[in-house]
């Protein structure tokens, strides 16, 4: 239960720190990771505009998570 509360608190704090850049251009490696994610969880998007928005948000969150992993938080 303590771990869940810690993760919930971290998620709230992280939400304020994630920098979402709507102009970001995804690299092929980011696209592959995102497509793997969509396939794993059965996600689908109605048009390319929604897909582009979702992949950019995914990149921002993934970068944030990786930066925290590097800090051993």
PDB file of N, CA and C in Angstrom:
ATOM      1  N   UNK A   1       0.821  -1.188   0.000  1.00  0.00           N
ATOM      2  CA  UNK A   1       0.000   0.000   0.000  1.00  0.00           C
ATOM      3  C   UNK A   1       0.870   1.259   0.000  1.00  0.00           C
ATOM      4  N   UNK A   2       1.981   1.207   0.746  1.00  0.00           N
ATOM      5  CA  UNK A   2       2.888   2.356   0.791  1.00  0.00           C
ATOM      6  C   UNK A   2       3.465   2.641  -0.591  1.00  0.00           C
ATOM      7  N   UNK A   3       3.798   1.570  -1.327  1.00  0.00           N
ATOM      8  CA  UNK A   3       4.353   1.754  -2.656  1.00  0.00           C
ATOM      9  C   UNK A   3       3.331   2.396  -3.586  1.00  0.00           C
ATOM     10  N   UNK A   4       2.082   1.982  -3.463  1.00  0.00           N
ATOM     11  CA  UNK A   4       1.035   2.565  -4.289  1.00  0.00           C
ATOM     12  C   UNK A   4       0.887   4.058  -4.002  1.00  0.00           C
ATOM     13  N   UNK A   5       0.889   4.430  -2.727  1.00  0.00           N
ATOM     14  CA  UNK A   5       0.772   5.844  -2.370  1.00  0.00           C
ATOM     15  C   UNK A   5       1.965   6.646  -2.866  1.00  0.00           C
ATOM     16  N   UNK A   6       3.148   6.044  -2.774  1.00  0.00           N
ATOM     17  CA  UNK A   6       4.351   6.708  -3.264  1.00  0.00           C
ATOM     18  C   UNK A   6       4.263   6.917  -4.773  1.00  0.00           C
ATOM     19  N   UNK A   7       3.828   5.893  -5.495  1.00  0.00           N
ATOM     20  CA  UNK A   7       3.691   6.013  -6.939  1.00  0.00           C
ATOM     21  C   UNK A   7       2.625   7.037  -7.319  1.00  0.00           C
ATOM     22  N   UNK A   8       1.519   7.057  -6.590  1.00  0.00           N
ATOM     23  CA  UNK A   8       0.456   8.023  -6.868  1.00  0.00           C
ATOM     24  C   UNK A   8       0.951   9.449  -6.636  1.00  0.00           C
ATOM     25  N   UNK A   9       1.689   9.651  -5.568  1.00  0.00           N
ATOM     26  CA  UNK A   9       2.238  10.974  -5.273  1.00  0.00           C
ATOM     27  C   UNK A   9       3.243  11.383  -6.343  1.00  0.00           C
ATOM     28  N   UNK A  10       4.091  10.448  -6.742  1.00  0.00           N
ATOM     29  CA  UNK A  10       5.075  10.720  -7.786  1.00  0.00           C
ATOM     30  C   UNK A  10       4.377  11.051  -9.104  1.00  0.00           C
ATOM     31  N   UNK A  11       3.306  10.341  -9.412  1.00  0.00           N
ATOM     32  CA  UNK A  11       2.571  10.590 -10.658  1.00  0.00           C
ATOM     33  C   UNK A  11       1.967  11.989 -10.671  1.00  0.00           C
ATOM     34  N   UNK A  12       1.431  12.415  -9.553  1.00  0.00           N
ATOM     35  CA  UNK A  12       0.853  13.762  -9.471  1.00  0.00           C
ATOM     36  C   UNK A  12       1.945  14.811  -9.642  1.00  0.00           C
ATOM     37  N   UNK A  13       3.070  14.599  -8.986  1.00  0.00           N
ATOM     38  CA  UNK A  13       4.180  15.545  -9.111  1.00  0.00           C
ATOM     39  C   UNK A  13       4.740  15.529 -10.535  1.00  0.00           C
ATOM     40  N   UNK A  14       4.797  14.354 -11.118  1.00  0.00           N
ATOM     41  CA  UNK A  14       5.352  14.219 -12.465  1.00  0.00           C
ATOM     42  C   UNK A  14       4.468  14.886 -13.501  1.00  0.00           C
ATOM     43  N   UNK A  15       3.184  14.809 -13.312  1.00  0.00           N
ATOM     44  CA  UNK A  15       2.259  15.398 -14.283  1.00  0.00           C
ATOM     45  C   UNK A  15       2.534  16.890 -14.460  1.00  0.00           C
ATOM     46  N   UNK A  16       2.968  17.534 -13.415  1.00  0.00           N
ATOM     47  CA  UNK A  16       3.263  18.958 -13.476  1.00  0.00           C
ATOM     48  C   UNK A  16       4.600  19.240 -14.162  1.00  0.00           C
ATOM     49  N   UNK A  17       5.462  18.233 -14.280  1.00  0.00           N
ATOM     50  CA  UNK A  17       6.800  18.448 -14.804  1.00  0.00           C
ATOM     51  C   UNK A  17       6.994  17.945 -16.228  1.00  0.00           C
ATOM     52  N   UNK A  18       6.031  17.229 -16.786  1.00  0.00           N
ATOM     53  CA  UNK A  18       6.173  16.680 -18.129  1.00  0.00           C
ATOM     54  C   UNK A  18       6.036  17.809 -19.143  1.00  0.00           C
ATOM     55  N   UNK A  19       7.001  17.907 -20.020  1.00  0.00           N
ATOM     56  CA  UNK A  19       6.986  18.937 -21.053  1.00  0.00           C
ATOM     57  C   UNK A  19       6.521  18.306 -22.353  1.00  0.00           C
ATOM     58  N   UNK A  20       5.326  18.654 -22.772  1.00  0.00           N
ATOM     59  CA  UNK A  20       4.740  18.131 -24.000  1.00  0.00           C
ATOM     60  C   UNK A  20       4.970  19.124 -25.116  1.00  0.00           C
ATOM     61  N   UNK A  21       5.686  18.703 -26.143  1.00  0.00           N
ATOM     62  CA  UNK A  21       5.978  19.564 -27.284  1.00  0.00           C
ATOM     63  C   UNK A  21       5.162  19.098 -28.485  1.00  0.00           C
ATOM     64  N   UNK A  22       4.100  19.814 -28.844  1.00  0.00           N
ATOM     65  CA  UNK A  22       3.262  19.378 -29.954  1.00  0.00           C
ATOM     66  C   UNK A  22       3.966  19.437 -31.307  1.00  0.00           C
ATOM     67  N   UNK A  23       5.116  20.073 -31.374  1.00  0.00           N
ATOM     68  CA  UNK A  23       5.863  20.178 -32.632  1.00  0.00           C
ATOM     69  C   UNK A  23       6.973  19.133 -32.724  1.00  0.00           C
ATOM     70  N   UNK A  24       7.112  18.285 -31.727  1.00  0.00           N
ATOM     71  CA  UNK A  24       8.182  17.290 -31.722  1.00  0.00           C
ATOM     72  C   UNK A  24       7.991  16.302 -32.867  1.00  0.00           C
ATOM     73  N   UNK A  25       9.097  15.927 -33.479  1.00  0.00           N
ATOM     74  CA  UNK A  25       9.055  14.955 -34.566  1.00  0.00           C
ATOM     75  C   UNK A  25       9.599  13.634 -34.034  1.00  0.00           C
ATOM     76  N   UNK A  26       8.760  12.596 -34.040  1.00  0.00           N
ATOM     77  CA  UNK A  26       9.211  11.318 -33.482  1.00  0.00           C
ATOM     78  C   UNK A  26      10.260  10.638 -34.361  1.00  0.00           C
ATOM     79  N   UNK A  27      11.285  10.097 -33.708  1.00  0.00           N
ATOM     80  CA  UNK A  27      12.288   9.311 -34.420  1.00  0.00           C
ATOM     81  C   UNK A  27      11.712   7.928 -34.700  1.00  0.00           C
ATOM     82  N   UNK A  28      12.373   7.176 -35.542  1.00  0.00           N
ATOM     83  CA  UNK A  28      11.892   5.836 -35.869  1.00  0.00           C
ATOM     84  C   UNK A  28      11.872   4.937 -34.639  1.00  0.00           C
ATOM     85  N   UNK A  29      12.844   5.101 -33.763  1.00  0.00           N
ATOM     86  CA  UNK A  29      12.875   4.264 -32.556  1.00  0.00           C
ATOM     87  C   UNK A  29      11.689   4.594 -31.650  1.00  0.00           C
ATOM     88  N   UNK A  30      11.327   5.889 -31.563  1.00  0.00           N
ATOM     89  CA  UNK A  30      10.154   6.272 -30.778  1.00  0.00           C
ATOM     90  C   UNK A  30       8.879   5.733 -31.401  1.00  0.00           C
ATOM     91  N   UNK A  31       8.802   5.759 -32.725  1.00  0.00           N
ATOM     92  CA  UNK A  31       7.632   5.230 -33.403  1.00  0.00           C
ATOM     93  C   UNK A  31       7.485   3.734 -33.161  1.00  0.00           C
ATOM     94  N   UNK A  32       8.598   3.014 -33.195  1.00  0.00           N
ATOM     95  CA  UNK A  32       8.564   1.574 -32.961  1.00  0.00           C
ATOM     96  C   UNK A  32       8.112   1.258 -31.540  1.00  0.00           C
ATOM     97  N   UNK A  33       8.631   2.000 -30.555  1.00  0.00           N
ATOM     98  CA  UNK A  33       8.207   1.791 -29.166  1.00  0.00           C
ATOM     99  C   UNK A  33       6.725   2.084 -28.998  1.00  0.00           C
ATOM    100  N   UNK A  34       6.259   3.159 -29.642  1.00  0.00           N
ATOM    101  CA  UNK A  34       4.852   3.521 -29.536  1.00  0.00           C
ATOM    102  C   UNK A  34       3.961   2.482 -30.218  1.00  0.00           C
ATOM    103  N   UNK A  35       4.370   2.006 -31.382  1.00  0.00           N
ATOM    104  CA  UNK A  35       3.587   0.975 -32.068  1.00  0.00           C
ATOM    105  C   UNK A  35       3.555  -0.322 -31.263  1.00  0.00           C
ATOM    106  N   UNK A  36       4.657  -0.652 -30.601  1.00  0.00           N
ATOM    107  CA  UNK A  36       4.678  -1.833 -29.728  1.00  0.00           C
ATOM    108  C   UNK A  36       3.698  -1.650 -28.575  1.00  0.00           C
ATOM    109  N   UNK A  37       3.670  -0.444 -28.009  1.00  0.00           N
ATOM    110  CA  UNK A  37       2.734  -0.130 -26.931  1.00  0.00           C
ATOM    111  C   UNK A  37       1.291  -0.258 -27.406  1.00  0.00           C
ATOM    112  N   UNK A  38       0.989   0.307 -28.585  1.00  0.00           N
ATOM    113  CA  UNK A  38      -0.386   0.245 -29.090  1.00  0.00           C
ATOM    114  C   UNK A  38      -0.798  -1.192 -29.380  1.00  0.00           C
ATOM    115  N   UNK A  39       0.113  -1.989 -29.896  1.00  0.00           N
ATOM    116  CA  UNK A  39      -0.199  -3.397 -30.178  1.00  0.00           C
ATOM    117  C   UNK A  39      -0.396  -4.185 -28.889  1.00  0.00           C
ATOM    118  N   UNK A  40       0.447  -3.924 -27.887  1.00  0.00           N
ATOM    119  CA  UNK A  40       0.366  -4.663 -26.625  1.00  0.00           C
ATOM    120  C   UNK A  40      -0.954  -4.402 -25.910  1.00  0.00           C
ATOM    121  N   UNK A  41      -1.431  -3.171 -25.938  1.00  0.00           N
ATOM    122  CA  UNK A  41      -2.637  -2.810 -25.199  1.00  0.00           C
ATOM    123  C   UNK A  41      -3.870  -2.638 -26.086  1.00  0.00           C
ATOM    124  N   UNK A  42      -3.773  -2.984 -27.363  1.00  0.00           N
ATOM    125  CA  UNK A  42      -4.918  -2.948 -28.257  1.00  0.00           C
ATOM    126  C   UNK A  42      -5.466  -1.552 -28.505  1.00  0.00           C
ATOM    127  N   UNK A  43      -4.595  -0.576 -28.553  1.00  0.00           N
ATOM    128  CA  UNK A  43      -5.023   0.800 -28.803  1.00  0.00           C
ATOM    129  C   UNK A  43      -5.239   1.013 -30.302  1.00  0.00           C
ATOM    130  N   UNK A  44      -6.142   1.907 -30.648  1.00  0.00           N
ATOM    131  CA  UNK A  44      -6.326   2.302 -32.046  1.00  0.00           C
ATOM    132  C   UNK A  44      -6.756   3.768 -32.064  1.00  0.00           C
ATOM    133  N   UNK A  45      -6.445   4.418 -33.170  1.00  0.00           N
ATOM    134  CA  UNK A  45      -6.722   5.846 -33.297  1.00  0.00           C
ATOM    135  C   UNK A  45      -7.482   6.092 -34.592  1.00  0.00           C
ATOM    136  N   UNK A  46      -8.405   7.032 -34.552  1.00  0.00           N
ATOM    137  CA  UNK A  46      -9.324   7.245 -35.673  1.00  0.00           C
ATOM    138  C   UNK A  46      -8.684   7.941 -36.870  1.00  0.00           C
ATOM    139  N   UNK A  47      -7.688   8.776 -36.628  1.00  0.00           N
ATOM    140  CA  UNK A  47      -7.051   9.476 -37.745  1.00  0.00           C
ATOM    141  C   UNK A  47      -5.601   9.787 -37.411  1.00  0.00           C
ATOM    142  N   UNK A  48      -4.883  10.295 -38.395  1.00  0.00           N
ATOM    143  CA  UNK A  48      -3.456  10.550 -38.205  1.00  0.00           C
ATOM    144  C   UNK A  48      -3.198  11.706 -37.246  1.00  0.00           C
ATOM    145  N   UNK A  49      -4.111  12.652 -37.168  1.00  0.00           N
ATOM    146  CA  UNK A  49      -3.933  13.769 -36.236  1.00  0.00           C
ATOM    147  C   UNK A  49      -3.940  13.269 -34.797  1.00  0.00           C
ATOM    148  N   UNK A  50      -4.872  12.379 -34.469  1.00  0.00           N
ATOM    149  CA  UNK A  50      -4.920  11.814 -33.115  1.00  0.00           C
ATOM    150  C   UNK A  50      -3.684  10.966 -32.844  1.00  0.00           C
ATOM    151  N   UNK A  51      -3.271  10.173 -33.843  1.00  0.00           N
ATOM    152  CA  UNK A  51      -2.070   9.351 -33.704  1.00  0.00           C
ATOM    153  C   UNK A  51      -0.858  10.226 -33.412  1.00  0.00           C
ATOM    154  N   UNK A  52      -0.701  11.312 -34.167  1.00  0.00           N
ATOM    155  CA  UNK A  52       0.449  12.203 -33.976  1.00  0.00           C
ATOM    156  C   UNK A  52       0.437  12.850 -32.596  1.00  0.00           C
ATOM    157  N   UNK A  53      -0.734  13.244 -32.125  1.00  0.00           N
ATOM    158  CA  UNK A  53      -0.829  13.825 -30.793  1.00  0.00           C
ATOM    159  C   UNK A  53      -0.465  12.798 -29.720  1.00  0.00           C
ATOM    160  N   UNK A  54      -0.969  11.595 -29.871  1.00  0.00           N
ATOM    161  CA  UNK A  54      -0.695  10.545 -28.878  1.00  0.00           C
ATOM    162  C   UNK A  54       0.773  10.152 -28.850  1.00  0.00           C
ATOM    163  N   UNK A  55       1.404  10.042 -30.012  1.00  0.00           N
ATOM    164  CA  UNK A  55       2.813   9.635 -30.027  1.00  0.00           C
ATOM    165  C   UNK A  55       3.691  10.719 -29.412  1.00  0.00           C
ATOM    166  N   UNK A  56       3.353  11.973 -29.639  1.00  0.00           N
ATOM    167  CA  UNK A  56       4.143  13.055 -29.032  1.00  0.00           C
ATOM    168  C   UNK A  56       3.982  13.079 -27.521  1.00  0.00           C
ATOM    169  N   UNK A  57       2.779  12.836 -27.049  1.00  0.00           N
ATOM    170  CA  UNK A  57       2.576  12.765 -25.608  1.00  0.00           C
ATOM    171  C   UNK A  57       3.302  11.547 -25.024  1.00  0.00           C
ATOM    172  N   UNK A  58       3.259  10.433 -25.739  1.00  0.00           N
ATOM    173  CA  UNK A  58       3.966   9.225 -25.310  1.00  0.00           C
ATOM    174  C   UNK A  58       5.468   9.494 -25.194  1.00  0.00           C
ATOM    175  N   UNK A  59       6.023  10.218 -26.175  1.00  0.00           N
ATOM    176  CA  UNK A  59       7.448  10.549 -26.139  1.00  0.00           C
ATOM    177  C   UNK A  59       7.797  11.388 -24.917  1.00  0.00           C
ATOM    178  N   UNK A  60       6.930  12.358 -24.592  1.00  0.00           N
ATOM    179  CA  UNK A  60       7.184  13.231 -23.443  1.00  0.00           C
ATOM    180  C   UNK A  60       7.156  12.433 -22.146  1.00  0.00           C
ATOM    181  N   UNK A  61       6.179  11.573 -22.000  1.00  0.00           N
ATOM    182  CA  UNK A  61       6.066  10.768 -20.779  1.00  0.00           C
ATOM    183  C   UNK A  61       7.221   9.782 -20.688  1.00  0.00           C
ATOM    184  N   UNK A  62       7.569   9.154 -21.807  1.00  0.00           N
ATOM    185  CA  UNK A  62       8.669   8.187 -21.811  1.00  0.00           C
ATOM    186  C   UNK A  62       9.986   8.858 -21.446  1.00  0.00           C
ATOM    187  N   UNK A  63      10.219  10.046 -21.975  1.00  0.00           N
ATOM    188  CA  UNK A  63      11.441  10.787 -21.632  1.00  0.00           C
ATOM    189  C   UNK A  63      11.474  11.130 -20.146  1.00  0.00           C
ATOM    190  N   UNK A  64      10.336  11.531 -19.616  1.00  0.00           N
ATOM    191  CA  UNK A  64      10.259  11.864 -18.190  1.00  0.00           C
ATOM    192  C   UNK A  64      10.550  10.639 -17.327  1.00  0.00           C
ATOM    193  N   UNK A  65       9.946   9.517 -17.670  1.00  0.00           N
ATOM    194  CA  UNK A  65      10.165   8.282 -16.909  1.00  0.00           C
ATOM    195  C   UNK A  65      11.624   7.871 -16.971  1.00  0.00           C
ATOM    196  N   UNK A  66      12.216   7.931 -18.153  1.00  0.00           N
ATOM    197  CA  UNK A  66      13.622   7.549 -18.293  1.00  0.00           C
ATOM    198  C   UNK A  66      14.539   8.482 -17.512  1.00  0.00           C
ATOM    199  N   UNK A  67      14.211   9.766 -17.431  1.00  0.00           N
ATOM    200  CA  UNK A  67      15.050  10.677 -16.664  1.00  0.00           C
ATOM    201  C   UNK A  67      14.977  10.356 -15.172  1.00  0.00           C
ATOM    202  N   UNK A  68      13.823   9.940 -14.687  1.00  0.00           N
ATOM    203  CA  UNK A  68      13.703   9.536 -13.285  1.00  0.00           C
ATOM    204  C   UNK A  68      14.387   8.206 -13.040  1.00  0.00           C
ATOM    205  N   UNK A  69      14.354   7.298 -14.020  1.00  0.00           N
ATOM    206  CA  UNK A  69      15.045   6.020 -13.876  1.00  0.00           C
ATOM    207  C   UNK A  69      16.552   6.249 -13.765  1.00  0.00           C
ATOM    208  N   UNK A  70      17.070   7.221 -14.512  1.00  0.00           N
ATOM    209  CA  UNK A  70      18.506   7.527 -14.458  1.00  0.00           C
ATOM    210  C   UNK A  70      18.918   8.062 -13.096  1.00  0.00           C
ATOM    211  N   UNK A  71      17.983   8.704 -12.383  1.00  0.00           N
ATOM    212  CA  UNK A  71      18.287   9.268 -11.067  1.00  0.00           C
ATOM    213  C   UNK A  71      18.163   8.248  -9.942  1.00  0.00           C
ATOM    214  N   UNK A  72      17.654   7.061 -10.243  1.00  0.00           N
ATOM    215  CA  UNK A  72      17.405   6.006  -9.235  1.00  0.00           C
ATOM    216  C   UNK A  72      16.474   6.491  -8.146  1.00  0.00           C
ATOM    217  N   UNK A  73      15.407   7.172  -8.530  1.00  0.00           N
ATOM    218  CA  UNK A  73      14.423   7.669  -7.570  1.00  0.00           C
ATOM    219  C   UNK A  73      13.514   6.547  -7.171  1.00  0.00           C
TER     220      UNK A  73
END
